[in-house]
C-alpha atoms as a PDB file:
ATOM      1  CA  MET A   1       5.391 -17.067  -2.035  1.00  0.00           C
ATOM      2  CA  LEU A   2       5.644 -13.362  -2.349  1.00  0.00           C
ATOM      3  CA  SER A   3       6.984 -11.550  -4.894  1.00  0.00           C
ATOM      4  CA  MET A   4       8.652  -7.911  -4.814  1.00  0.00           C
ATOM      5  CA  ILE A   5       7.786  -5.854  -7.862  1.00  0.00           C
ATOM      6  CA  ARG A   6       9.930  -2.902  -8.460  1.00  0.00           C
ATOM      7  CA  ALA A   7       8.435  -0.917 -11.232  1.00  0.00           C
ATOM      8  CA  ILE A   8      10.720   2.373 -12.538  1.00  0.00           C
ATOM      9  CA  VAL A   9       8.146   4.588 -14.593  1.00  0.00           C
ATOM     10  CA  ARG A  10       8.142   8.474 -16.230  1.00  0.00           C
ATOM     11  CA  PRO A  11       7.044  10.791 -13.223  1.00  0.00           C
ATOM     12  CA  GLU A  12       4.119  11.917 -15.362  1.00  0.00           C
ATOM     13  CA  LYS A  13       2.727   8.481 -15.137  1.00  0.00           C
ATOM     14  CA  VAL A  14       3.089   7.901 -11.628  1.00  0.00           C
ATOM     15  CA  ASP A  15      -0.439   9.303 -10.195  1.00  0.00           C
ATOM     16  CA  ASN A  16      -2.019   6.919 -12.764  1.00  0.00           C
ATOM     17  CA  VAL A  17      -0.120   3.987 -12.078  1.00  0.00           C
ATOM     18  CA  LEU A  18      -1.182   4.263  -8.205  1.00  0.00           C
ATOM     19  CA  ALA A  19      -4.592   5.138  -9.210  1.00  0.00           C
ATOM     20  CA  SER A  20      -4.922   1.880 -11.441  1.00  0.00           C
ATOM     21  CA  LEU A  21      -3.445  -0.309  -8.421  1.00  0.00           C
ATOM     22  CA  MET A  22      -5.326   1.294  -5.726  1.00  0.00           C
ATOM     23  CA  ASP A  23      -8.690   0.308  -8.294  1.00  0.00           C
ATOM     24  CA  ALA A  24      -7.316  -2.993  -8.555  1.00  0.00           C
ATOM     25  CA  GLY A  25      -6.948  -3.691  -4.771  1.00  0.00           C
ATOM     26  CA  PHE A  26      -3.360  -2.797  -4.227  1.00  0.00           C
ATOM     27  CA  PRO A  27      -2.824   0.150  -2.325  1.00  0.00           C
ATOM     28  CA  ALA A  28       0.247  -0.809  -0.556  1.00  0.00           C
ATOM     29  CA  VAL A  29       3.134   0.979  -2.359  1.00  0.00           C
ATOM     30  CA  THR A  30       6.386   2.401  -1.713  1.00  0.00           C
ATOM     31  CA  LYS A  31       7.610   5.173  -4.013  1.00  0.00           C
ATOM     32  CA  TYR A  32      10.765   7.043  -4.609  1.00  0.00           C
ATOM     33  CA  ALA A  33      12.379   9.668  -6.753  1.00  0.00           C
ATOM     34  CA  VAL A  34      15.591   7.950  -8.955  1.00  0.00           C
ATOM     35  CA  ALA A  35      17.504   9.025 -12.056  1.00  0.00           C
ATOM     36  CA  GLY A  36      19.160   6.917 -14.308  1.00  0.00           C
ATOM     37  CA  ARG A  37      19.446   6.101 -17.913  1.00  0.00           C
ATOM     38  CA  GLY A  38      18.641   3.138 -20.276  1.00  0.00           C
ATOM     39  CA  LYS A  39      19.661   2.032 -23.583  1.00  0.00           C
ATOM     40  CA  GLN A  40      19.146   5.684 -25.206  1.00  0.00           C
ATOM     41  CA  ARG A  41      21.943   6.800 -22.780  1.00  0.00           C
ATOM     42  CA  GLY A  42      19.946   9.864 -21.410  1.00  0.00           C
ATOM     43  CA  ILE A  43      18.799  12.469 -23.968  1.00  0.00           C
ATOM     44  CA  LYS A  44      20.286  15.177 -26.021  1.00  0.00           C
ATOM     45  CA  ILE A  45      18.546  18.803 -26.293  1.00  0.00           C
ATOM     46  CA  GLY A  46      20.524  21.137 -28.323  1.00  0.00           C
ATOM     47  CA  GLU A  47      24.516  20.642 -27.328  1.00  0.00           C
ATOM     48  CA  VAL A  48      23.380  19.562 -23.945  1.00  0.00           C
ATOM     49  CA  THR A  49      23.489  15.822 -23.029  1.00  0.00           C
ATOM     50  CA  TYR A  50      21.309  14.846 -20.056  1.00  0.00           C
ATOM     51  CA  ASP A  51      22.683  11.261 -18.591  1.00  0.00           C
ATOM     52  CA  GLU A  52      20.668  10.794 -15.975  1.00  0.00           C
ATOM     53  CA  ILE A  53      16.473  11.064 -16.712  1.00  0.00           C
ATOM     54  CA  PRO A  54      14.344  11.364 -13.485  1.00  0.00           C
ATOM     55  CA  LYS A  55      12.020   8.624 -12.796  1.00  0.00           C
ATOM     56  CA  VAL A  56       9.971   7.398  -9.876  1.00  0.00           C
ATOM     57  CA  MET A  57      10.397   3.776  -8.505  1.00  0.00           C
ATOM     58  CA  LEU A  58       7.695   2.211  -7.313  1.00  0.00           C
ATOM     59  CA  MET A  59       8.063  -1.084  -4.947  1.00  0.00           C
ATOM     60  CA  ILE A  60       5.037  -3.466  -3.838  1.00  0.00           C
ATOM     61  CA  VAL A  61       5.084  -6.774  -2.411  1.00  0.00           C
ATOM     62  CA  VAL A  62       2.339  -9.222  -3.717  1.00  0.00           C
ATOM     63  CA  ASP A  63       1.421 -13.135  -3.468  1.00  0.00           C
ATOM     64  CA  ASP A  64       3.073 -14.772  -6.555  1.00  0.00           C
ATOM     65  CA  ALA A  65      -0.742 -15.616  -7.278  1.00  0.00           C
ATOM     66  CA  ASP A  66      -1.423 -11.627  -8.087  1.00  0.00           C
ATOM     67  CA  LYS A  67       2.125 -11.088  -9.535  1.00  0.00           C
ATOM     68  CA  GLU A  68       1.406 -11.197 -13.248  1.00  0.00           C
ATOM     69  CA  PHE A  69      -2.202  -9.417 -12.878  1.00  0.00           C
ATOM     70  CA  VAL A  70      -0.010  -6.548 -10.814  1.00  0.00           C
ATOM     71  CA  ILE A  71       2.769  -6.472 -13.381  1.00  0.00           C
ATOM     72  CA  LYS A  72      -0.098  -5.941 -16.361  1.00  0.00           C
ATOM     73  CA  THR A  73      -1.855  -3.238 -14.533  1.00  0.00           C
ATOM     74  CA  ILE A  74       1.515  -1.310 -14.212  1.00  0.00           C
ATOM     75  CA  MET A  75       2.531  -1.832 -17.749  1.00  0.00           C
ATOM     76  CA  GLY A  76      -1.024  -0.863 -19.073  1.00  0.00           C
ATOM     77  CA  THR A  77      -0.992   2.263 -17.126  1.00  0.00           C
ATOM     78  CA  ALA A  78       2.755   3.359 -17.537  1.00  0.00           C
ATOM     79  CA  ARG A  79       3.152   2.858 -21.080  1.00  0.00           C
ATOM     80  CA  SER A  80       2.836   5.588 -23.550  1.00  0.00           C
ATOM     81  CA  GLY A  81       0.601   5.380 -26.315  1.00  0.00           C
ATOM     82  CA  GLU A  82      -0.583   1.788 -27.619  1.00  0.00           C
ATOM     83  CA  LYS A  83       3.051   0.588 -28.654  1.00  0.00           C
ATOM     84  CA  GLY A  84       5.161   2.433 -25.756  1.00  0.00           C
ATOM     85  CA  ALA A  85       8.407   4.297 -26.375  1.00  0.00           C
ATOM     86  CA  PHE A  86      11.858   4.464 -25.175  1.00  0.00           C
ATOM     87  CA  GLY A  87      12.009   5.535 -21.546  1.00  0.00           C
ATOM     88  CA  ASP A  88       8.634   4.305 -20.277  1.00  0.00           C
ATOM     89  CA  GLY A  89      10.559   2.205 -17.565  1.00  0.00           C
ATOM     90  CA  LYS A  90      11.456  -1.398 -16.456  1.00  0.00           C
ATOM     91  CA  ILE A  91       9.706  -3.610 -14.193  1.00  0.00           C
ATOM     92  CA  PHE A  92      11.925  -6.012 -12.057  1.00  0.00           C
ATOM     93  CA  VAL A  93      10.721  -8.974  -9.864  1.00  0.00           C
ATOM     94  CA  SER A  94      12.238 -10.746  -7.229  1.00  0.00           C
ATOM     95  CA  GLY A  95      11.292 -13.468  -4.616  1.00  0.00           C
ATOM     96  CA  VAL A  96      10.769 -12.324  -0.910  1.00  0.00           C
ATOM     97  CA  GLU A  97      12.302 -14.480   1.507  1.00  0.00           C
ATOM     98  CA  SER A  98      10.495 -13.151   4.495  1.00  0.00           C
ATOM     99  CA  MET A  99       8.689  -9.774   5.425  1.00  0.00           C
ATOM    100  CA  TYR A 100       8.293  -8.662   9.131  1.00  0.00           C
ATOM    101  CA  THR A 101       6.036  -5.851  10.299  1.00  0.00           C
ATOM    102  CA  VAL A 102       8.100  -3.475  12.443  1.00  0.00           C
ATOM    103  CA  SER A 103       5.161  -2.204  14.750  1.00  0.00           C
ATOM    104  CA  SER A 104       4.348  -5.905  15.667  1.00  0.00           C
ATOM    105  CA  GLY A 105       7.461  -7.891  14.883  1.00  0.00           C
ATOM    106  CA  LEU A 106       5.609 -10.399  13.317  1.00  0.00           C
ATOM    107  CA  MET A 107       6.631 -12.007  10.240  1.00  0.00           C
ATOM    108  CA  GLU A 108       3.989 -12.133   7.715  1.00  0.00           C
ATOM    109  CA  THR A 109       3.693 -14.694   4.833  1.00  0.00           C
ATOM    110  CA  ALA A 110       1.919 -15.221   1.656  1.00  0.00           C
ATOM    111  CA  SER A 111      -1.061 -16.208   3.307  1.00  0.00           C
ATOM    112  CA  SER A 112      -1.201 -12.859   5.388  1.00  0.00           C
ATOM    113  CA  LYS A 113      -2.512  -9.750   3.920  1.00  0.00           C
ATOM    114  CA  VAL A 114       0.605  -7.993   1.670  1.00  0.00           C
ATOM    115  CA  GLY A 115       2.027  -4.820   2.045  1.00  0.00           C
ATOM    116  CA  VAL A 116       4.941  -2.752   2.098  1.00  0.00           C
END
C-alpha cells in the first residue's frame, strides 16, 4: 500500500527538510507555497494581526513500510529546537488508492519505484 504524506512547514526549514529527505533516499517531493493559521490564530505584531502565515507544503508518496521513517525525518528537520514551537507545522497522512505516471500511462503499485 502507498501513503501520501503532506507536511506543512516553516519556509525557512524547507531546504533542510528537502536535503534530509534526499539524503534518506526520498528525492521525489512536490512543493508549493501555502498560507494559513493554526491554534495561535495568526500572529499579532504591534497593532497589526496577520491571520495567514506563509508556510510551504511538501507532498510525498511512499510505501507504507517507509511512512514512519519519512515522518520522523521531516519532524526531526522541521522542528524548531529540541522541543519545537508553535507554528512548526503539521503532517497529514492518507492512503493512496492508485497512482499513474502521466508519460507512460502506467499505474504504479507499492512494489514500483514511488515518486510524485
